[in-house]
Amino acid sequence: MTVKAVFFDMGGTIDTFWYSKEMRLAETPGLQLLLSSYGLDLRLNDQQLYDLVTNGIARYHQWRLVSYQELPASVVWRDYILAGKSDPYPQLDSIADDLMVWIETHYYKRKMRPEIPAVLAAIQSMGLKIGIISNVNSRGQVPLNLTQYGIKHYFNPIILSSEYKWRKPDPSIFHFAARLANCPTSECIYIGDRIARDIVGAKRAGYKLAIQIKHDFKHGENDDG
């Protein structure tokens, strides 16, 4: 079996994550401070801000599950999270990605799987290319967490839906990753935790093998293949 590249999903695969309403509410004062530092005074208490953000992101998530598209963070904030607000918040164009990174790193508790460094070192020792294909709205969260975990140097290319504009399971993002690795999809392996977007998407793109890694946290999203 000829294999030249191994691609990983990020959340649920490279790292595990969990969240709860209580945890997110406890983190929300930090979001209040961040918004204030950028001159965004929404005049909401913590519960109201939590509801605004989580409901807006939930609406956006339902849309992207159907469309397979990823909108810029500024559009998500303006059209989904702050929808109906009369203020156009012009500063969103420059700060929205920072706000989304905050949400993705504070509204989720993340931890690298302990076996990952050894797995990556073993794959690298075989002379295989290693990459990431991640569905994520910010441009900054995945590189930030990879750096914090001390494993960013293993990955090239790193494909983010926030930059590519299409999400898994759309086959095009898998084809794009293979092209950047200079490998045919028939010589690529993909490893992810979700059947509906990771396994199905990789198979549709013609990857040689798609491997599911179980992630125990249940967040209510359908995962039929």
Foldseek 3Di string as FASTA:
>chain_A
DFAAEEEEEPELTQKDKDADPVQQLVCQVVLCVVCVVLVHDPVDDSVVLSCLVVQLVVVVVVVCVVVQFADAQLCSCQCRSVNPDPDSPVCSVPCSLVSQLCCVPRRMPIDGDPCVVVVLVVCVVVVHQYAYEYEGNHPPNVVVVCVVVVNPVRHPPYHYSNVVGGHFLALVSVCVRCVSVVHQQCNYEYEEAAQRGQVNSSVVNNHVYYHHDHHPHDDPDDRDD
